[in-house]
Amino acid sequence: MWSFVGKKSLKQWIWLAMDVETKEIVGLYVGSRSRKAAKRLWLSLPGASRQCAVAYTDFWQA
């Protein structure tokens, strides 16, 4: 999911991590679509969620 700030060339990607069973959002990061942003999403997860997390992707380059 993405939006822009001020003009379309300033895209900001919305990264979400959801609990499959409860549909609760357990992690969130807003920023670029980079490996660094993916790492920030990972670090936003609680420790217990990181231990059993499974990642799914849209296969777009990070």
Protein backbone atom coordinates (compact mmCIF):
# COMPACT_ATOMS: atom_id res chain seq x y z
CA MET A 1 0.00 0.00 0.00
CA TRP A 2 1.37 3.49 -0.74
CA SER A 3 0.47 7.15 -0.66
CA PHE A 4 2.34 10.34 -1.47
CA VAL A 5 3.26 13.47 0.46
CA GLY A 6 2.82 16.74 -1.39
CA LYS A 7 3.50 15.32 -4.86
CA LYS A 8 3.40 11.90 -6.46
CA SER A 9 7.19 11.65 -6.73
CA LEU A 10 7.39 11.54 -2.90
CA LYS A 11 5.85 8.10 -2.45
CA GLN A 12 5.65 6.68 1.05
CA TRP A 13 5.05 2.96 1.42
CA ILE A 14 2.95 1.63 4.29
CA TRP A 15 4.39 -1.62 5.63
CA LEU A 16 2.09 -3.71 7.83
CA ALA A 17 2.58 -6.92 9.78
CA MET A 18 -0.62 -8.71 10.75
CA ASP A 19 -1.45 -11.61 13.03
CA VAL A 20 -3.05 -14.25 10.79
CA GLU A 21 -5.53 -15.49 13.37
CA THR A 22 -6.69 -12.23 14.96
CA LYS A 23 -6.05 -9.87 11.99
CA GLU A 24 -4.44 -7.52 14.52
CA ILE A 25 -1.71 -5.25 13.19
CA VAL A 26 1.40 -6.13 15.19
CA GLY A 27 3.96 -4.06 13.28
CA LEU A 28 3.97 -0.90 11.17
CA TYR A 29 6.47 1.19 9.26
CA VAL A 30 5.93 4.11 6.86
CA GLY A 31 8.78 5.00 4.53
CA SER A 32 10.57 3.95 1.36
CA ARG A 33 10.40 0.57 -0.35
CA SER A 34 13.93 -0.47 0.56
CA ARG A 35 15.68 -3.24 2.44
CA LYS A 36 16.31 -0.75 5.26
CA ALA A 37 12.55 -0.10 5.50
CA ALA A 38 11.87 -3.86 5.60
CA LYS A 39 14.34 -4.16 8.46
CA ARG A 40 12.58 -1.32 10.29
CA LEU A 41 9.25 -3.16 9.93
CA TRP A 42 10.91 -6.29 11.32
CA LEU A 43 12.26 -4.33 14.29
CA SER A 44 8.79 -2.87 14.97
CA LEU A 45 7.47 -6.37 15.73
CA PRO A 46 7.27 -7.52 19.34
CA GLY A 47 9.89 -10.15 20.18
CA ALA A 48 7.36 -12.99 20.41
CA SER A 49 6.02 -12.19 16.94
CA ARG A 50 9.54 -12.17 15.45
CA GLN A 51 10.19 -15.69 16.75
CA CYS A 52 7.31 -17.25 14.81
CA ALA A 53 6.89 -14.78 11.92
CA VAL A 54 6.39 -15.90 8.34
CA ALA A 55 6.89 -13.32 5.59
CA TYR A 56 4.87 -13.05 2.39
CA THR A 57 5.82 -10.71 -0.42
CA ASP A 58 4.42 -9.31 -3.65
CA PHE A 59 7.80 -10.12 -5.24
CA TRP A 60 8.50 -6.48 -6.10
CA GLN A 61 12.09 -5.45 -5.53
CA ALA A 62 12.65 -3.95 -2.08
